[in-house]
């Protein structure tokens, strides 16, 4: 586990990780939407697997709905902690 200290490096790590978490969540949501669109457009070609794929994508969407708020809270907390580190350093 990485140790984060009250330092400029610590501020940078917290901000970078907060940003990465937000970007990763948005990326998963975006890619899931793209896959859903593809599956819908190609439903006839997917045969019996189309329903299975749609079900899997729906599970991903529901999981994202459950985790976005807590993950957003983590990201915000990292930003607040980075702000506190900056106040201590200045």
PDB file of N, CA and C in Angstrom:
ATOM      1  N   UNK A   1       0.837  -1.177   0.000  1.00  0.00           N
ATOM      2  CA  UNK A   1       0.000   0.000   0.000  1.00  0.00           C
ATOM      3  C   UNK A   1       0.884   1.244   0.000  1.00  0.00           C
ATOM      4  N   UNK A   2       0.503   2.190  -0.782  1.00  0.00           N
ATOM      5  CA  UNK A   2       1.285   3.417  -0.929  1.00  0.00           C
ATOM      6  C   UNK A   2       1.013   4.370   0.225  1.00  0.00           C
ATOM      7  N   UNK A   3       2.066   4.925   0.772  1.00  0.00           N
ATOM      8  CA  UNK A   3       1.931   5.898   1.850  1.00  0.00           C
ATOM      9  C   UNK A   3       1.968   7.293   1.251  1.00  0.00           C
ATOM     10  N   UNK A   4       0.964   8.090   1.602  1.00  0.00           N
ATOM     11  CA  UNK A   4       0.879   9.459   1.104  1.00  0.00           C
ATOM     12  C   UNK A   4       1.192  10.390   2.262  1.00  0.00           C
ATOM     13  N   UNK A   5       2.170  11.262   2.043  1.00  0.00           N
ATOM     14  CA  UNK A   5       2.597  12.176   3.094  1.00  0.00           C
ATOM     15  C   UNK A   5       2.153  13.602   2.790  1.00  0.00           C
ATOM     16  N   UNK A   6       2.189  14.435   3.815  1.00  0.00           N
ATOM     17  CA  UNK A   6       1.878  15.853   3.643  1.00  0.00           C
ATOM     18  C   UNK A   6       3.076  16.478   2.947  1.00  0.00           C
ATOM     19  N   UNK A   7       2.973  16.568   1.642  1.00  0.00           N
ATOM     20  CA  UNK A   7       4.054  17.100   0.810  1.00  0.00           C
ATOM     21  C   UNK A   7       3.450  17.492  -0.532  1.00  0.00           C
ATOM     22  N   UNK A   8       4.235  18.175  -1.335  1.00  0.00           N
ATOM     23  CA  UNK A   8       3.763  18.522  -2.684  1.00  0.00           C
ATOM     24  C   UNK A   8       3.482  17.249  -3.481  1.00  0.00           C
ATOM     25  N   UNK A   9       4.331  16.257  -3.280  1.00  0.00           N
ATOM     26  CA  UNK A   9       4.113  14.980  -3.959  1.00  0.00           C
ATOM     27  C   UNK A   9       2.799  14.348  -3.503  1.00  0.00           C
ATOM     28  N   UNK A  10       2.505  14.421  -2.208  1.00  0.00           N
ATOM     29  CA  UNK A  10       1.255  13.891  -1.685  1.00  0.00           C
ATOM     30  C   UNK A  10       0.050  14.585  -2.287  1.00  0.00           C
ATOM     31  N   UNK A  11       0.132  15.913  -2.406  1.00  0.00           N
ATOM     32  CA  UNK A  11      -0.949  16.683  -3.028  1.00  0.00           C
ATOM     33  C   UNK A  11      -1.148  16.217  -4.467  1.00  0.00           C
ATOM     34  N   UNK A  12      -0.061  16.066  -5.177  1.00  0.00           N
ATOM     35  CA  UNK A  12      -0.122  15.646  -6.575  1.00  0.00           C
ATOM     36  C   UNK A  12      -0.722  14.246  -6.715  1.00  0.00           C
ATOM     37  N   UNK A  13      -0.292  13.336  -5.854  1.00  0.00           N
ATOM     38  CA  UNK A  13      -0.809  11.968  -5.905  1.00  0.00           C
ATOM     39  C   UNK A  13      -2.312  11.959  -5.650  1.00  0.00           C
ATOM     40  N   UNK A  14      -2.756  12.679  -4.634  1.00  0.00           N
ATOM     41  CA  UNK A  14      -4.183  12.718  -4.319  1.00  0.00           C
ATOM     42  C   UNK A  14      -4.996  13.295  -5.472  1.00  0.00           C
ATOM     43  N   UNK A  15      -4.523  14.379  -6.036  1.00  0.00           N
ATOM     44  CA  UNK A  15      -5.258  15.002  -7.150  1.00  0.00           C
ATOM     45  C   UNK A  15      -5.263  14.086  -8.383  1.00  0.00           C
ATOM     46  N   UNK A  16      -4.128  13.474  -8.667  1.00  0.00           N
ATOM     47  CA  UNK A  16      -4.045  12.577  -9.822  1.00  0.00           C
ATOM     48  C   UNK A  16      -4.969  11.370  -9.661  1.00  0.00           C
ATOM     49  N   UNK A  17      -4.967  10.779  -8.472  1.00  0.00           N
ATOM     50  CA  UNK A  17      -5.803   9.602  -8.233  1.00  0.00           C
ATOM     51  C   UNK A  17      -7.287   9.967  -8.254  1.00  0.00           C
ATOM     52  N   UNK A  18      -7.628  11.127  -7.721  1.00  0.00           N
ATOM     53  CA  UNK A  18      -9.008  11.591  -7.752  1.00  0.00           C
ATOM     54  C   UNK A  18      -9.478  11.762  -9.190  1.00  0.00           C
ATOM     55  N   UNK A  19      -8.653  12.389  -9.991  1.00  0.00           N
ATOM     56  CA  UNK A  19      -8.983  12.604 -11.402  1.00  0.00           C
ATOM     57  C   UNK A  19      -9.090  11.273 -12.145  1.00  0.00           C
ATOM     58  N   UNK A  20      -8.155  10.379 -11.879  1.00  0.00           N
ATOM     59  CA  UNK A  20      -8.162   9.083 -12.556  1.00  0.00           C
ATOM     60  C   UNK A  20      -9.419   8.282 -12.220  1.00  0.00           C
ATOM     61  N   UNK A  21      -9.821   8.321 -10.947  1.00  0.00           N
ATOM     62  CA  UNK A  21     -11.024   7.606 -10.543  1.00  0.00           C
ATOM     63  C   UNK A  21     -12.236   8.141 -11.299  1.00  0.00           C
ATOM     64  N   UNK A  22     -12.372   9.441 -11.361  1.00  0.00           N
ATOM     65  CA  UNK A  22     -13.497  10.050 -12.082  1.00  0.00           C
ATOM     66  C   UNK A  22     -13.461   9.693 -13.561  1.00  0.00           C
ATOM     67  N   UNK A  23     -12.281   9.773 -14.157  1.00  0.00           N
ATOM     68  CA  UNK A  23     -12.138   9.448 -15.583  1.00  0.00           C
ATOM     69  C   UNK A  23     -12.422   7.980 -15.857  1.00  0.00           C
ATOM     70  N   UNK A  24     -11.961   7.109 -14.974  1.00  0.00           N
ATOM     71  CA  UNK A  24     -12.195   5.677 -15.166  1.00  0.00           C
ATOM     72  C   UNK A  24     -13.685   5.346 -15.093  1.00  0.00           C
ATOM     73  N   UNK A  25     -14.375   5.942 -14.134  1.00  0.00           N
ATOM     74  CA  UNK A  25     -15.814   5.709 -14.027  1.00  0.00           C
ATOM     75  C   UNK A  25     -16.542   6.202 -15.268  1.00  0.00           C
ATOM     76  N   UNK A  26     -16.189   7.384 -15.733  1.00  0.00           N
ATOM     77  CA  UNK A  26     -16.810   7.929 -16.943  1.00  0.00           C
ATOM     78  C   UNK A  26     -16.489   7.036 -18.143  1.00  0.00           C
ATOM     79  N   UNK A  27     -15.272   6.526 -18.199  1.00  0.00           N
ATOM     80  CA  UNK A  27     -14.873   5.651 -19.296  1.00  0.00           C
ATOM     81  C   UNK A  27     -15.663   4.354 -19.318  1.00  0.00           C
ATOM     82  N   UNK A  28     -15.863   3.762 -18.153  1.00  0.00           N
ATOM     83  CA  UNK A  28     -16.647   2.519 -18.079  1.00  0.00           C
ATOM     84  C   UNK A  28     -18.079   2.789 -18.530  1.00  0.00           C
ATOM     85  N   UNK A  29     -18.647   3.883 -18.045  1.00  0.00           N
ATOM     86  CA  UNK A  29     -20.022   4.236 -18.417  1.00  0.00           C
ATOM     87  C   UNK A  29     -20.106   4.455 -19.940  1.00  0.00           C
ATOM     88  N   UNK A  30     -19.152   5.178 -20.495  1.00  0.00           N
ATOM     89  CA  UNK A  30     -19.138   5.472 -21.924  1.00  0.00           C
ATOM     90  C   UNK A  30     -18.994   4.205 -22.763  1.00  0.00           C
ATOM     91  N   UNK A  31     -18.069   3.348 -22.393  1.00  0.00           N
ATOM     92  CA  UNK A  31     -17.841   2.119 -23.160  1.00  0.00           C
ATOM     93  C   UNK A  31     -19.033   1.173 -23.059  1.00  0.00           C
ATOM     94  N   UNK A  32     -19.687   1.146 -21.896  1.00  0.00           N
ATOM     95  CA  UNK A  32     -20.876   0.311 -21.743  1.00  0.00           C
ATOM     96  C   UNK A  32     -21.991   0.804 -22.659  1.00  0.00           C
ATOM     97  N   UNK A  33     -22.134   2.125 -22.746  1.00  0.00           N
ATOM     98  CA  UNK A  33     -23.140   2.691 -23.647  1.00  0.00           C
ATOM     99  C   UNK A  33     -22.823   2.341 -25.100  1.00  0.00           C
ATOM    100  N   UNK A  34     -21.558   2.420 -25.482  1.00  0.00           N
ATOM    101  CA  UNK A  34     -21.159   2.066 -26.850  1.00  0.00           C
ATOM    102  C   UNK A  34     -21.482   0.602 -27.145  1.00  0.00           C
ATOM    103  N   UNK A  35     -21.172  -0.265 -26.184  1.00  0.00           N
ATOM    104  CA  UNK A  35     -21.467  -1.691 -26.379  1.00  0.00           C
ATOM    105  C   UNK A  35     -22.964  -1.934 -26.476  1.00  0.00           C
ATOM    106  N   UNK A  36     -23.740  -1.219 -25.679  1.00  0.00           N
ATOM    107  CA  UNK A  36     -25.199  -1.359 -25.738  1.00  0.00           C
ATOM    108  C   UNK A  36     -25.730  -0.929 -27.098  1.00  0.00           C
ATOM    109  N   UNK A  37     -25.231   0.181 -27.595  1.00  0.00           N
ATOM    110  CA  UNK A  37     -25.644   0.648 -28.920  1.00  0.00           C
ATOM    111  C   UNK A  37     -25.283  -0.370 -29.995  1.00  0.00           C
ATOM    112  N   UNK A  38     -24.063  -0.900 -29.913  1.00  0.00           N
ATOM    113  CA  UNK A  38     -23.620  -1.902 -30.882  1.00  0.00           C
ATOM    114  C   UNK A  38     -24.515  -3.138 -30.815  1.00  0.00           C
ATOM    115  N   UNK A  39     -24.790  -3.599 -29.600  1.00  0.00           N
ATOM    116  CA  UNK A  39     -25.626  -4.792 -29.435  1.00  0.00           C
ATOM    117  C   UNK A  39     -27.032  -4.546 -29.979  1.00  0.00           C
ATOM    118  N   UNK A  40     -27.582  -3.367 -29.734  1.00  0.00           N
ATOM    119  CA  UNK A  40     -28.922  -3.052 -30.245  1.00  0.00           C
ATOM    120  C   UNK A  40     -28.935  -2.985 -31.771  1.00  0.00           C
ATOM    121  N   UNK A  41     -27.913  -2.377 -32.337  1.00  0.00           N
ATOM    122  CA  UNK A  41     -27.840  -2.250 -33.798  1.00  0.00           C
ATOM    123  C   UNK A  41     -27.631  -3.603 -34.481  1.00  0.00           C
ATOM    124  N   UNK A  42     -27.026  -4.537 -33.774  1.00  0.00           N
ATOM    125  CA  UNK A  42     -26.699  -5.843 -34.365  1.00  0.00           C
ATOM    126  C   UNK A  42     -27.481  -6.989 -33.735  1.00  0.00           C
ATOM    127  N   UNK A  43     -28.603  -6.666 -33.149  1.00  0.00           N
ATOM    128  CA  UNK A  43     -29.415  -7.664 -32.436  1.00  0.00           C
ATOM    129  C   UNK A  43     -29.735  -8.875 -33.315  1.00  0.00           C
ATOM    130  N   UNK A  44     -30.085  -8.612 -34.564  1.00  0.00           N
ATOM    131  CA  UNK A  44     -30.459  -9.711 -35.461  1.00  0.00           C
ATOM    132  C   UNK A  44     -29.280 -10.633 -35.758  1.00  0.00           C
ATOM    133  N   UNK A  45     -28.094 -10.094 -35.791  1.00  0.00           N
ATOM    134  CA  UNK A  45     -26.900 -10.887 -36.101  1.00  0.00           C
ATOM    135  C   UNK A  45     -26.347 -11.647 -34.894  1.00  0.00           C
ATOM    136  N   UNK A  46     -26.745 -11.255 -33.708  1.00  0.00           N
ATOM    137  CA  UNK A  46     -26.207 -11.877 -32.497  1.00  0.00           C
ATOM    138  C   UNK A  46     -26.948 -13.155 -32.106  1.00  0.00           C
ATOM    139  N   UNK A  47     -28.092 -13.354 -32.711  1.00  0.00           N
ATOM    140  CA  UNK A  47     -28.867 -14.557 -32.438  1.00  0.00           C
ATOM    141  C   UNK A  47     -29.216 -14.678 -30.967  1.00  0.00           C
ATOM    142  N   UNK A  48     -29.160 -15.909 -30.453  1.00  0.00           N
ATOM    143  CA  UNK A  48     -29.560 -16.129 -29.056  1.00  0.00           C
ATOM    144  C   UNK A  48     -28.605 -15.460 -28.045  1.00  0.00           C
ATOM    145  N   UNK A  49     -27.444 -15.084 -28.508  1.00  0.00           N
ATOM    146  CA  UNK A  49     -26.482 -14.454 -27.597  1.00  0.00           C
ATOM    147  C   UNK A  49     -26.826 -12.992 -27.323  1.00  0.00           C
ATOM    148  N   UNK A  50     -27.654 -12.412 -28.175  1.00  0.00           N
ATOM    149  CA  UNK A  50     -28.034 -11.012 -28.017  1.00  0.00           C
ATOM    150  C   UNK A  50     -28.674 -10.732 -26.666  1.00  0.00           C
ATOM    151  N   UNK A  51     -29.576 -11.597 -26.254  1.00  0.00           N
ATOM    152  CA  UNK A  51     -30.253 -11.413 -24.966  1.00  0.00           C
ATOM    153  C   UNK A  51     -29.265 -11.559 -23.810  1.00  0.00           C
ATOM    154  N   UNK A  52     -28.337 -12.489 -23.943  1.00  0.00           N
ATOM    155  CA  UNK A  52     -27.325 -12.692 -22.896  1.00  0.00           C
ATOM    156  C   UNK A  52     -26.411 -11.469 -22.780  1.00  0.00           C
ATOM    157  N   UNK A  53     -25.998 -10.957 -23.932  1.00  0.00           N
ATOM    158  CA  UNK A  53     -25.149  -9.756 -23.947  1.00  0.00           C
ATOM    159  C   UNK A  53     -25.899  -8.574 -23.337  1.00  0.00           C
ATOM    160  N   UNK A  54     -27.154  -8.393 -23.728  1.00  0.00           N
ATOM    161  CA  UNK A  54     -27.966  -7.300 -23.191  1.00  0.00           C
ATOM    162  C   UNK A  54     -28.100  -7.422 -21.677  1.00  0.00           C
ATOM    163  N   UNK A  55     -28.279  -8.645 -21.191  1.00  0.00           N
ATOM    164  CA  UNK A  55     -28.385  -8.874 -19.750  1.00  0.00           C
ATOM    165  C   UNK A  55     -27.101  -8.516 -19.022  1.00  0.00           C
ATOM    166  N   UNK A  56     -25.985  -8.892 -19.602  1.00  0.00           N
ATOM    167  CA  UNK A  56     -24.686  -8.562 -18.998  1.00  0.00           C
ATOM    168  C   UNK A  56     -24.463  -7.054 -18.960  1.00  0.00           C
ATOM    169  N   UNK A  57     -24.797  -6.393 -20.045  1.00  0.00           N
ATOM    170  CA  UNK A  57     -24.629  -4.937 -20.094  1.00  0.00           C
ATOM    171  C   UNK A  57     -25.546  -4.249 -19.089  1.00  0.00           C
ATOM    172  N   UNK A  58     -26.730  -4.780 -18.906  1.00  0.00           N
ATOM    173  CA  UNK A  58     -27.658  -4.216 -17.913  1.00  0.00           C
ATOM    174  C   UNK A  58     -27.094  -4.392 -16.503  1.00  0.00           C
ATOM    175  N   UNK A  59     -26.466  -5.522 -16.240  1.00  0.00           N
ATOM    176  CA  UNK A  59     -25.833  -5.748 -14.931  1.00  0.00           C
ATOM    177  C   UNK A  59     -24.720  -4.733 -14.691  1.00  0.00           C
ATOM    178  N   UNK A  60     -23.936  -4.457 -15.728  1.00  0.00           N
ATOM    179  CA  UNK A  60     -22.863  -3.463 -15.605  1.00  0.00           C
ATOM    180  C   UNK A  60     -23.457  -2.093 -15.307  1.00  0.00           C
ATOM    181  N   UNK A  61     -24.525  -1.736 -16.001  1.00  0.00           N
ATOM    182  CA  UNK A  61     -25.167  -0.437 -15.777  1.00  0.00           C
ATOM    183  C   UNK A  61     -25.686  -0.323 -14.344  1.00  0.00           C
ATOM    184  N   UNK A  62     -26.316  -1.390 -13.851  1.00  0.00           N
ATOM    185  CA  UNK A  62     -26.831  -1.355 -12.470  1.00  0.00           C
ATOM    186  C   UNK A  62     -25.687  -1.252 -11.462  1.00  0.00           C
ATOM    187  N   UNK A  63     -24.597  -1.969 -11.717  1.00  0.00           N
ATOM    188  CA  UNK A  63     -23.435  -1.893 -10.824  1.00  0.00           C
ATOM    189  C   UNK A  63     -22.850  -0.486 -10.827  1.00  0.00           C
ATOM    190  N   UNK A  64     -22.786   0.126 -12.000  1.00  0.00           N
ATOM    191  CA  UNK A  64     -22.277   1.498 -12.096  1.00  0.00           C
ATOM    192  C   UNK A  64     -23.179   2.468 -11.338  1.00  0.00           C
ATOM    193  N   UNK A  65     -24.484   2.272 -11.448  1.00  0.00           N
ATOM    194  CA  UNK A  65     -25.421   3.135 -10.733  1.00  0.00           C
ATOM    195  C   UNK A  65     -25.181   3.052  -9.223  1.00  0.00           C
ATOM    196  N   UNK A  66     -24.852   1.858  -8.752  1.00  0.00           N
ATOM    197  CA  UNK A  66     -24.612   1.667  -7.319  1.00  0.00           C
ATOM    198  C   UNK A  66     -23.281   2.252  -6.861  1.00  0.00           C
ATOM    199  N   UNK A  67     -22.273   2.218  -7.712  1.00  0.00           N
ATOM    200  CA  UNK A  67     -20.930   2.604  -7.260  1.00  0.00           C
ATOM    201  C   UNK A  67     -20.547   4.042  -7.583  1.00  0.00           C
ATOM    202  N   UNK A  68     -21.270   4.700  -8.483  1.00  0.00           N
ATOM    203  CA  UNK A  68     -20.866   6.052  -8.877  1.00  0.00           C
ATOM    204  C   UNK A  68     -20.902   7.043  -7.721  1.00  0.00           C
ATOM    205  N   UNK A  69     -21.941   7.007  -6.914  1.00  0.00           N
ATOM    206  CA  UNK A  69     -22.027   7.957  -5.807  1.00  0.00           C
ATOM    207  C   UNK A  69     -20.920   7.722  -4.768  1.00  0.00           C
ATOM    208  N   UNK A  70     -20.714   6.486  -4.292  1.00  0.00           N
ATOM    209  CA  UNK A  70     -19.618   6.276  -3.344  1.00  0.00           C
ATOM    210  C   UNK A  70     -18.245   6.598  -3.941  1.00  0.00           C
ATOM    211  N   UNK A  71     -18.044   6.251  -5.205  1.00  0.00           N
ATOM    212  CA  UNK A  71     -16.758   6.555  -5.843  1.00  0.00           C
ATOM    213  C   UNK A  71     -16.576   8.058  -5.983  1.00  0.00           C
ATOM    214  N   UNK A  72     -17.649   8.761  -6.293  1.00  0.00           N
ATOM    215  CA  UNK A  72     -17.591  10.221  -6.362  1.00  0.00           C
ATOM    216  C   UNK A  72     -17.243  10.821  -5.009  1.00  0.00           C
ATOM    217  N   UNK A  73     -17.778  10.222  -3.939  1.00  0.00           N
ATOM    218  CA  UNK A  73     -17.463  10.697  -2.594  1.00  0.00           C
ATOM    219  C   UNK A  73     -15.985  10.473  -2.270  1.00  0.00           C
ATOM    220  N   UNK A  74     -15.453   9.353  -2.695  1.00  0.00           N
ATOM    221  CA  UNK A  74     -14.026   9.084  -2.479  1.00  0.00           C
ATOM    222  C   UNK A  74     -13.186  10.104  -3.227  1.00  0.00           C
ATOM    223  N   UNK A  75     -13.543  10.361  -4.468  1.00  0.00           N
ATOM    224  CA  UNK A  75     -12.817  11.333  -5.280  1.00  0.00           C
ATOM    225  C   UNK A  75     -12.858  12.712  -4.622  1.00  0.00           C
ATOM    226  N   UNK A  76     -14.022  13.118  -4.153  1.00  0.00           N
ATOM    227  CA  UNK A  76     -14.156  14.420  -3.474  1.00  0.00           C
ATOM    228  C   UNK A  76     -13.329  14.475  -2.200  1.00  0.00           C
ATOM    229  N   UNK A  77     -13.318  13.388  -1.455  1.00  0.00           N
ATOM    230  CA  UNK A  77     -12.537  13.337  -0.223  1.00  0.00           C
ATOM    231  C   UNK A  77     -11.050  13.461  -0.516  1.00  0.00           C
ATOM    232  N   UNK A  78     -10.594  12.835  -1.582  1.00  0.00           N
ATOM    233  CA  UNK A  78      -9.183  12.962  -1.955  1.00  0.00           C
ATOM    234  C   UNK A  78      -8.850  14.406  -2.314  1.00  0.00           C
ATOM    235  N   UNK A  79      -9.753  15.079  -3.008  1.00  0.00           N
ATOM    236  CA  UNK A  79      -9.542  16.492  -3.352  1.00  0.00           C
ATOM    237  C   UNK A  79      -9.496  17.360  -2.092  1.00  0.00           C
ATOM    238  N   UNK A  80     -10.413  17.103  -1.158  1.00  0.00           N
ATOM    239  CA  UNK A  80     -10.421  17.862   0.099  1.00  0.00           C
ATOM    240  C   UNK A  80      -9.137  17.634   0.896  1.00  0.00           C
ATOM    241  N   UNK A  81      -8.687  16.401   0.913  1.00  0.00           N
ATOM    242  CA  UNK A  81      -7.451  16.085   1.623  1.00  0.00           C
ATOM    243  C   UNK A  81      -6.262  16.783   0.962  1.00  0.00           C
ATOM    244  N   UNK A  82      -6.249  16.813  -0.359  1.00  0.00           N
ATOM    245  CA  UNK A  82      -5.187  17.526  -1.080  1.00  0.00           C
ATOM    246  C   UNK A  82      -5.227  19.009  -0.729  1.00  0.00           C
ATOM    247  N   UNK A  83      -6.431  19.588  -0.617  1.00  0.00           N
ATOM    248  CA  UNK A  83      -6.561  20.990  -0.213  1.00  0.00           C
ATOM    249  C   UNK A  83      -6.007  21.207   1.196  1.00  0.00           C
ATOM    250  N   UNK A  84      -6.312  20.282   2.097  1.00  0.00           N
ATOM    251  CA  UNK A  84      -5.811  20.388   3.471  1.00  0.00           C
ATOM    252  C   UNK A  84      -4.283  20.287   3.500  1.00  0.00           C
ATOM    253  N   UNK A  85      -3.734  19.380   2.705  1.00  0.00           N
ATOM    254  CA  UNK A  85      -2.278  19.260   2.627  1.00  0.00           C
ATOM    255  C   UNK A  85      -1.672  20.574   2.153  1.00  0.00           C
ATOM    256  N   UNK A  86      -2.283  21.186   1.128  1.00  0.00           N
ATOM    257  CA  UNK A  86      -1.771  22.448   0.614  1.00  0.00           C
ATOM    258  C   UNK A  86      -1.817  23.541   1.668  1.00  0.00           C
ATOM    259  N   UNK A  87      -2.885  23.575   2.460  1.00  0.00           N
ATOM    260  CA  UNK A  87      -2.980  24.576   3.522  1.00  0.00           C
ATOM    261  C   UNK A  87      -1.879  24.381   4.555  1.00  0.00           C
ATOM    262  N   UNK A  88      -1.598  23.158   4.893  1.00  0.00           N
ATOM    263  CA  UNK A  88      -0.539  22.854   5.862  1.00  0.00           C
ATOM    264  C   UNK A  88       0.813  23.289   5.297  1.00  0.00           C
ATOM    265  N   UNK A  89       1.013  23.032   4.009  1.00  0.00           N
ATOM    266  CA  UNK A  89       2.314  23.337   3.377  1.00  0.00           C
ATOM    267  C   UNK A  89       2.538  24.820   3.163  1.00  0.00           C
ATOM    268  N   UNK A  90       1.466  25.571   3.042  1.00  0.00           N
ATOM    269  CA  UNK A  90       1.588  27.008   2.790  1.00  0.00           C
ATOM    270  C   UNK A  90       1.473  27.735   4.065  1.00  0.00           C
TER     271      UNK A  90
END
